[in-house]
Amino acid sequence: MNETDLQAQINQLNQKMDIVLDIVTRQQQKTESVEDLLSDLQIVGKDMYDTAVVELENQQVEIDVDEIKMLGIRLLHNIENIGVVLSMFESMVDFTKDAGPLVRESIIDMTSRLHEFEQKGYFEFFAEAAKVIDNVVSAFSKEDVAQLADNIVTILNTVKSLTQPEMMHAMDNALRAYNSMQMENVPEYSVFKLMREINKPEMKKAMGFMVTFMKNIST
């Protein structure tokens, strides 16, 4: 082996040693950093422990080591259940994020509807309706309400009959006739004139209606 080859090998060895020394130096620096971190954590942990002890003493809290041990064992036994709960919580958070826009849109739509109802006077109507209900409650006793409950079917049937087209037409004709009468200028009828009017076909029909109506009521 000549001198040139020997020098080349020495240079390669020197380069490798430099690399090894650099690795060792970095590893040592990392080790020192870890040791410093552990030292700092130990100091912080001790401070936290001392603070916790003082706080527990101030709050008169006694720690049972056995209870803490049992709690740790229970946590380990239920680690799967805890995972399930955390998964459910994550799903709930995801659902909340997805449903957020829909909820906001629903709130905006509801606010718009409420504003529309307010503009149309719904709220004022319900407020006045509440006064009507209050007056009804004040005016009627419990016995009156019980009687109303017993007769509600009859009342509804009566209302149903009154709202039939022929009944509504008859009542409308009666109101029209009453409104067309001039009460201040009602003509006077003598007995003879009344007799003549009674003999007219329309009066006979009206009297027949009254007699039939009275008979039906009395039966």
C-alpha atoms as a PDB file:
ATOM      1  CA  MET A   1       0.000   0.000   0.000  1.00  0.00           C
ATOM      2  CA  ASN A   2       1.517   3.295  -1.037  1.00  0.00           C
ATOM      3  CA  GLU A   3       1.453   6.515   0.935  1.00  0.00           C
ATOM      4  CA  THR A   4      -1.367   8.051  -1.152  1.00  0.00           C
ATOM      5  CA  ASP A   5      -3.805   5.198  -0.477  1.00  0.00           C
ATOM      6  CA  LEU A   6      -2.937   5.230   3.208  1.00  0.00           C
ATOM      7  CA  GLN A   7      -3.637   8.931   3.427  1.00  0.00           C
ATOM      8  CA  ALA A   8      -6.977   8.450   1.675  1.00  0.00           C
ATOM      9  CA  GLN A   9      -8.039   5.796   4.156  1.00  0.00           C
ATOM     10  CA  ILE A  10      -6.984   8.031   7.042  1.00  0.00           C
ATOM     11  CA  ASN A  11      -9.091  10.858   5.606  1.00  0.00           C
ATOM     12  CA  GLN A  12     -12.116   8.557   5.262  1.00  0.00           C
ATOM     13  CA  LEU A  13     -11.666   7.398   8.858  1.00  0.00           C
ATOM     14  CA  ASN A  14     -11.440  10.985   9.998  1.00  0.00           C
ATOM     15  CA  GLN A  15     -14.687  11.831   8.146  1.00  0.00           C
ATOM     16  CA  LYS A  16     -16.453   8.854   9.691  1.00  0.00           C
ATOM     17  CA  MET A  17     -15.185   9.780  13.140  1.00  0.00           C
ATOM     18  CA  ASP A  18     -16.422  13.330  12.635  1.00  0.00           C
ATOM     19  CA  ILE A  19     -19.861  11.966  11.720  1.00  0.00           C
ATOM     20  CA  VAL A  20     -19.859   9.669  14.749  1.00  0.00           C
ATOM     21  CA  LEU A  21     -18.755  12.510  17.040  1.00  0.00           C
ATOM     22  CA  ASP A  22     -21.471  14.750  15.584  1.00  0.00           C
ATOM     23  CA  ILE A  23     -24.106  12.058  16.212  1.00  0.00           C
ATOM     24  CA  VAL A  24     -22.844  11.504  19.738  1.00  0.00           C
ATOM     25  CA  THR A  25     -22.838  15.243  20.385  1.00  0.00           C
ATOM     26  CA  ARG A  26     -26.428  15.616  19.137  1.00  0.00           C
ATOM     27  CA  GLN A  27     -27.542  12.625  21.171  1.00  0.00           C
ATOM     28  CA  GLN A  28     -25.909  14.086  24.225  1.00  0.00           C
ATOM     29  CA  GLN A  29     -27.637  17.423  23.594  1.00  0.00           C
ATOM     30  CA  LYS A  30     -30.988  15.637  23.261  1.00  0.00           C
ATOM     31  CA  THR A  31     -30.321  13.711  26.441  1.00  0.00           C
ATOM     32  CA  GLU A  32     -29.463  16.915  28.266  1.00  0.00           C
ATOM     33  CA  SER A  33     -32.641  18.555  26.880  1.00  0.00           C
ATOM     34  CA  VAL A  34     -34.725  15.620  28.070  1.00  0.00           C
ATOM     35  CA  GLU A  35     -33.074  15.726  31.460  1.00  0.00           C
ATOM     36  CA  ASP A  36     -33.717  19.461  31.682  1.00  0.00           C
ATOM     37  CA  LEU A  37     -37.346  18.923  30.688  1.00  0.00           C
ATOM     38  CA  LEU A  38     -37.770  16.163  33.255  1.00  0.00           C
ATOM     39  CA  SER A  39     -36.152  18.352  35.873  1.00  0.00           C
ATOM     40  CA  ASP A  40     -38.493  21.214  35.022  1.00  0.00           C
ATOM     41  CA  LEU A  41     -41.503  18.890  35.035  1.00  0.00           C
ATOM     42  CA  GLN A  42     -40.428  17.513  38.373  1.00  0.00           C
ATOM     43  CA  ILE A  43     -40.232  21.011  39.785  1.00  0.00           C
ATOM     44  CA  VAL A  44     -43.611  21.960  38.311  1.00  0.00           C
ATOM     45  CA  GLY A  45     -45.161  18.691  39.481  1.00  0.00           C
ATOM     46  CA  LYS A  46     -43.818  19.218  42.979  1.00  0.00           C
ATOM     47  CA  ASP A  47     -45.201  22.749  43.030  1.00  0.00           C
ATOM     48  CA  MET A  48     -48.573  21.476  41.810  1.00  0.00           C
ATOM     49  CA  TYR A  49     -48.534  18.716  44.392  1.00  0.00           C
ATOM     50  CA  ASP A  50     -47.657  21.124  47.202  1.00  0.00           C
ATOM     51  CA  THR A  51     -50.339  23.562  46.038  1.00  0.00           C
ATOM     52  CA  ALA A  52     -52.915  20.775  45.815  1.00  0.00           C
ATOM     53  CA  VAL A  53     -52.043  19.553  49.304  1.00  0.00           C
ATOM     54  CA  VAL A  54     -52.389  23.045  50.745  1.00  0.00           C
ATOM     55  CA  GLU A  55     -55.687  23.622  48.937  1.00  0.00           C
ATOM     56  CA  LEU A  56     -57.065  20.284  50.078  1.00  0.00           C
ATOM     57  CA  GLU A  57     -56.072  21.080  53.640  1.00  0.00           C
ATOM     58  CA  ASN A  58     -57.783  24.469  53.386  1.00  0.00           C
ATOM     59  CA  GLN A  59     -60.920  22.825  52.033  1.00  0.00           C
ATOM     60  CA  GLN A  60     -60.670  20.098  54.693  1.00  0.00           C
ATOM     61  CA  VAL A  61     -60.682  17.354  52.089  1.00  0.00           C
ATOM     62  CA  GLU A  62     -59.237  14.023  53.098  1.00  0.00           C
ATOM     63  CA  ILE A  63     -57.830  11.770  50.391  1.00  0.00           C
ATOM     64  CA  ASP A  64     -58.146   8.050  50.789  1.00  0.00           C
ATOM     65  CA  VAL A  65     -55.402   6.308  48.822  1.00  0.00           C
ATOM     66  CA  ASP A  66     -57.451   3.127  48.589  1.00  0.00           C
ATOM     67  CA  GLU A  67     -60.380   5.018  47.096  1.00  0.00           C
ATOM     68  CA  ILE A  68     -58.093   6.625  44.528  1.00  0.00           C
ATOM     69  CA  LYS A  69     -56.684   3.195  43.696  1.00  0.00           C
ATOM     70  CA  MET A  70     -60.184   1.761  43.287  1.00  0.00           C
ATOM     71  CA  LEU A  71     -61.138   4.722  41.100  1.00  0.00           C
ATOM     72  CA  GLY A  72     -58.149   4.068  38.884  1.00  0.00           C
ATOM     73  CA  ILE A  73     -59.053   0.382  38.634  1.00  0.00           C
ATOM     74  CA  ARG A  74     -62.648   1.253  37.720  1.00  0.00           C
ATOM     75  CA  LEU A  75     -61.418   3.647  35.056  1.00  0.00           C
ATOM     76  CA  LEU A  76     -59.234   0.917  33.584  1.00  0.00           C
ATOM     77  CA  HIS A  77     -62.119  -1.559  33.653  1.00  0.00           C
ATOM     78  CA  ASN A  78     -64.387   0.940  31.876  1.00  0.00           C
ATOM     79  CA  ILE A  79     -61.862   2.248  29.388  1.00  0.00           C
ATOM     80  CA  GLU A  80     -63.946   0.790  26.547  1.00  0.00           C
ATOM     81  CA  ASN A  81     -67.118   2.492  27.815  1.00  0.00           C
ATOM     82  CA  ILE A  82     -65.216   5.754  28.148  1.00  0.00           C
ATOM     83  CA  GLY A  83     -64.138   5.380  24.532  1.00  0.00           C
ATOM     84  CA  VAL A  84     -67.750   4.843  23.484  1.00  0.00           C
ATOM     85  CA  VAL A  85     -68.837   7.967  25.380  1.00  0.00           C
ATOM     86  CA  LEU A  86     -66.077   9.999  23.767  1.00  0.00           C
ATOM     87  CA  SER A  87     -67.128   8.696  20.340  1.00  0.00           C
ATOM     88  CA  MET A  88     -70.718   9.690  21.046  1.00  0.00           C
ATOM     89  CA  PHE A  89     -69.541  13.127  22.158  1.00  0.00           C
ATOM     90  CA  GLU A  90     -67.516  13.527  18.965  1.00  0.00           C
ATOM     91  CA  SER A  91     -70.543  12.469  16.901  1.00  0.00           C
ATOM     92  CA  MET A  92     -72.679  14.985  18.775  1.00  0.00           C
ATOM     93  CA  VAL A  93     -70.146  17.737  18.092  1.00  0.00           C
ATOM     94  CA  ASP A  94     -70.078  16.809  14.394  1.00  0.00           C
ATOM     95  CA  PHE A  95     -73.884  16.777  14.288  1.00  0.00           C
ATOM     96  CA  THR A  96     -73.981  20.189  15.951  1.00  0.00           C
ATOM     97  CA  LYS A  97     -71.604  21.557  13.344  1.00  0.00           C
ATOM     98  CA  ASP A  98     -73.680  20.087  10.498  1.00  0.00           C
ATOM     99  CA  ALA A  99     -77.020  21.138  11.991  1.00  0.00           C
ATOM    100  CA  GLY A 100     -75.841  24.632  12.868  1.00  0.00           C
ATOM    101  CA  PRO A 101     -76.759  26.216   9.500  1.00  0.00           C
ATOM    102  CA  LEU A 102     -80.166  24.492   9.502  1.00  0.00           C
ATOM    103  CA  VAL A 103     -80.881  25.692  13.047  1.00  0.00           C
ATOM    104  CA  ARG A 104     -79.863  29.244  12.163  1.00  0.00           C
ATOM    105  CA  GLU A 105     -82.080  29.146   9.063  1.00  0.00           C
ATOM    106  CA  SER A 106     -84.993  27.833  11.137  1.00  0.00           C
ATOM    107  CA  ILE A 107     -84.501  30.588  13.718  1.00  0.00           C
ATOM    108  CA  ILE A 108     -84.415  33.229  10.989  1.00  0.00           C
ATOM    109  CA  ASP A 109     -87.595  31.790   9.419  1.00  0.00           C
ATOM    110  CA  MET A 110     -89.337  31.647  12.810  1.00  0.00           C
ATOM    111  CA  THR A 111     -88.335  35.240  13.565  1.00  0.00           C
ATOM    112  CA  SER A 112     -89.723  36.320  10.206  1.00  0.00           C
ATOM    113  CA  ARG A 113     -92.983  34.451  10.885  1.00  0.00           C
ATOM    114  CA  LEU A 114     -93.344  36.022  14.321  1.00  0.00           C
ATOM    115  CA  HIS A 115     -92.761  39.466  12.821  1.00  0.00           C
ATOM    116  CA  GLU A 116     -95.418  38.740  10.191  1.00  0.00           C
ATOM    117  CA  PHE A 117     -97.885  37.608  12.878  1.00  0.00           C
ATOM    118  CA  GLU A 118     -97.178  40.755  14.860  1.00  0.00           C
ATOM    119  CA  GLN A 119     -97.792  42.944  11.810  1.00  0.00           C
ATOM    120  CA  LYS A 120    -101.134  41.179  11.174  1.00  0.00           C
ATOM    121  CA  GLY A 121    -102.208  41.674  14.787  1.00  0.00           C
ATOM    122  CA  TYR A 122    -102.211  38.039  15.891  1.00  0.00           C
ATOM    123  CA  PHE A 123    -100.640  38.793  19.245  1.00  0.00           C
ATOM    124  CA  GLU A 124    -103.092  41.603  19.999  1.00  0.00           C
ATOM    125  CA  PHE A 125    -105.956  39.283  19.024  1.00  0.00           C
ATOM    126  CA  PHE A 126    -104.759  36.543  21.368  1.00  0.00           C
ATOM    127  CA  ALA A 127    -104.299  39.092  24.150  1.00  0.00           C
ATOM    128  CA  GLU A 128    -107.899  40.261  23.772  1.00  0.00           C
ATOM    129  CA  ALA A 129    -109.066  36.637  23.479  1.00  0.00           C
ATOM    130  CA  ALA A 130    -107.358  35.926  26.777  1.00  0.00           C
ATOM    131  CA  LYS A 131    -109.412  38.740  28.320  1.00  0.00           C
ATOM    132  CA  VAL A 132    -112.571  37.162  26.906  1.00  0.00           C
ATOM    133  CA  ILE A 133    -111.644  33.806  28.432  1.00  0.00           C
ATOM    134  CA  ASP A 134    -110.881  35.513  31.730  1.00  0.00           C
ATOM    135  CA  ASN A 135    -114.293  37.185  31.711  1.00  0.00           C
ATOM    136  CA  VAL A 136    -115.983  33.866  30.925  1.00  0.00           C
ATOM    137  CA  VAL A 137    -114.129  32.138  33.764  1.00  0.00           C
ATOM    138  CA  SER A 138    -115.054  34.938  36.148  1.00  0.00           C
ATOM    139  CA  ALA A 139    -118.715  34.963  35.113  1.00  0.00           C
ATOM    140  CA  PHE A 140    -119.412  31.225  35.239  1.00  0.00           C
ATOM    141  CA  SER A 141    -119.088  28.885  38.172  1.00  0.00           C
ATOM    142  CA  LYS A 142    -117.856  25.307  38.176  1.00  0.00           C
ATOM    143  CA  GLU A 143    -121.469  24.104  38.240  1.00  0.00           C
ATOM    144  CA  ASP A 144    -122.266  26.194  35.151  1.00  0.00           C
ATOM    145  CA  VAL A 145    -119.356  24.621  33.296  1.00  0.00           C
ATOM    146  CA  ALA A 146    -120.517  21.151  34.373  1.00  0.00           C
ATOM    147  CA  GLN A 147    -124.019  21.864  33.040  1.00  0.00           C
ATOM    148  CA  LEU A 148    -122.490  23.175  29.828  1.00  0.00           C
ATOM    149  CA  ALA A 149    -120.538  19.928  29.477  1.00  0.00           C
ATOM    150  CA  ASP A 150    -123.731  17.907  29.990  1.00  0.00           C
ATOM    151  CA  ASN A 151    -125.634  19.900  27.368  1.00  0.00           C
ATOM    152  CA  ILE A 152    -122.859  20.634  24.888  1.00  0.00           C
ATOM    153  CA  VAL A 153    -124.190  18.065  22.377  1.00  0.00           C
ATOM    154  CA  THR A 154    -127.660  19.647  22.426  1.00  0.00           C
ATOM    155  CA  ILE A 155    -126.145  23.126  22.068  1.00  0.00           C
ATOM    156  CA  LEU A 156    -123.992  22.064  19.122  1.00  0.00           C
ATOM    157  CA  ASN A 157    -126.960  20.398  17.432  1.00  0.00           C
ATOM    158  CA  THR A 158    -128.957  23.607  17.893  1.00  0.00           C
ATOM    159  CA  VAL A 159    -126.127  25.669  16.415  1.00  0.00           C
ATOM    160  CA  LYS A 160    -125.853  23.189  13.556  1.00  0.00           C
ATOM    161  CA  SER A 161    -129.554  23.528  12.835  1.00  0.00           C
ATOM    162  CA  LEU A 162    -129.369  27.315  12.985  1.00  0.00           C
ATOM    163  CA  THR A 163    -126.572  27.343  10.443  1.00  0.00           C
ATOM    164  CA  GLN A 164    -128.499  25.319   7.853  1.00  0.00           C
ATOM    165  CA  PRO A 165    -128.992  27.271   4.586  1.00  0.00           C
ATOM    166  CA  GLU A 166    -132.802  27.418   4.857  1.00  0.00           C
ATOM    167  CA  MET A 167    -132.643  28.642   8.469  1.00  0.00           C
ATOM    168  CA  MET A 168    -130.042  31.260   7.628  1.00  0.00           C
ATOM    169  CA  HIS A 169    -132.196  32.398   4.697  1.00  0.00           C
ATOM    170  CA  ALA A 170    -135.282  32.687   6.947  1.00  0.00           C
ATOM    171  CA  MET A 171    -133.395  34.682   9.573  1.00  0.00           C
ATOM    172  CA  ASP A 172    -131.950  36.928   6.883  1.00  0.00           C
ATOM    173  CA  ASN A 173    -135.437  37.604   5.530  1.00  0.00           C
ATOM    174  CA  ALA A 174    -136.709  38.357   9.044  1.00  0.00           C
ATOM    175  CA  LEU A 175    -133.881  40.810   9.685  1.00  0.00           C
ATOM    176  CA  ARG A 176    -134.388  42.474   6.331  1.00  0.00           C
ATOM    177  CA  ALA A 177    -138.096  42.858   7.032  1.00  0.00           C
ATOM    178  CA  TYR A 178    -137.442  44.288  10.487  1.00  0.00           C
ATOM    179  CA  ASN A 179    -134.841  46.723   9.177  1.00  0.00           C
ATOM    180  CA  SER A 180    -137.164  47.898   6.406  1.00  0.00           C
ATOM    181  CA  MET A 181    -139.900  48.793   8.882  1.00  0.00           C
ATOM    182  CA  GLN A 182    -140.233  52.402   9.976  1.00  0.00           C
ATOM    183  CA  MET A 183    -141.090  52.104  13.643  1.00  0.00           C
ATOM    184  CA  GLU A 184    -142.096  55.774  13.908  1.00  0.00           C
ATOM    185  CA  ASN A 185    -144.597  55.490  11.050  1.00  0.00           C
ATOM    186  CA  VAL A 186    -146.287  52.183  11.857  1.00  0.00           C
ATOM    187  CA  PRO A 187    -149.891  52.424  10.559  1.00  0.00           C
ATOM    188  CA  GLU A 188    -152.807  51.976  12.948  1.00  0.00           C
ATOM    189  CA  TYR A 189    -155.305  49.165  12.281  1.00  0.00           C
ATOM    190  CA  SER A 190    -158.901  49.134  13.367  1.00  0.00           C
ATOM    191  CA  VAL A 191    -160.708  45.887  14.150  1.00  0.00           C
ATOM    192  CA  PHE A 192    -162.460  45.849  10.785  1.00  0.00           C
ATOM    193  CA  LYS A 193    -159.251  46.631   8.904  1.00  0.00           C
ATOM    194  CA  LEU A 194    -157.448  43.907  10.883  1.00  0.00           C
ATOM    195  CA  MET A 195    -160.168  41.437   9.910  1.00  0.00           C
ATOM    196  CA  ARG A 196    -159.712  42.348   6.253  1.00  0.00           C
ATOM    197  CA  GLU A 197    -155.949  41.870   6.524  1.00  0.00           C
ATOM    198  CA  ILE A 198    -156.387  38.507   8.219  1.00  0.00           C
ATOM    199  CA  ASN A 199    -158.446  37.266   5.278  1.00  0.00           C
ATOM    200  CA  LYS A 200    -155.561  37.941   2.878  1.00  0.00           C
ATOM    201  CA  PRO A 201    -153.655  34.810   1.680  1.00  0.00           C
ATOM    202  CA  GLU A 202    -150.263  35.913   3.003  1.00  0.00           C
ATOM    203  CA  MET A 203    -151.672  36.573   6.486  1.00  0.00           C
ATOM    204  CA  LYS A 204    -153.440  33.197   6.497  1.00  0.00           C
ATOM    205  CA  LYS A 205    -150.150  31.565   5.546  1.00  0.00           C
ATOM    206  CA  ALA A 206    -148.307  33.442   8.287  1.00  0.00           C
ATOM    207  CA  MET A 207    -150.942  32.453  10.857  1.00  0.00           C
ATOM    208  CA  GLY A 208    -150.750  28.850   9.677  1.00  0.00           C
ATOM    209  CA  PHE A 209    -146.975  28.971  10.134  1.00  0.00           C
ATOM    210  CA  MET A 210    -147.321  30.356  13.682  1.00  0.00           C
ATOM    211  CA  VAL A 211    -149.915  27.725  14.680  1.00  0.00           C
ATOM    212  CA  THR A 212    -147.808  24.892  13.238  1.00  0.00           C
ATOM    213  CA  PHE A 213    -144.704  26.269  14.924  1.00  0.00           C
ATOM    214  CA  MET A 214    -146.402  26.479  18.318  1.00  0.00           C
ATOM    215  CA  LYS A 215    -147.756  22.949  17.977  1.00  0.00           C
ATOM    216  CA  ASN A 216    -144.319  21.590  17.160  1.00  0.00           C
ATOM    217  CA  ILE A 217    -142.814  23.349  20.160  1.00  0.00           C
ATOM    218  CA  SER A 218    -145.421  21.969  22.546  1.00  0.00           C
ATOM    219  CA  THR A 219    -144.921  18.359  21.422  1.00  0.00           C
END
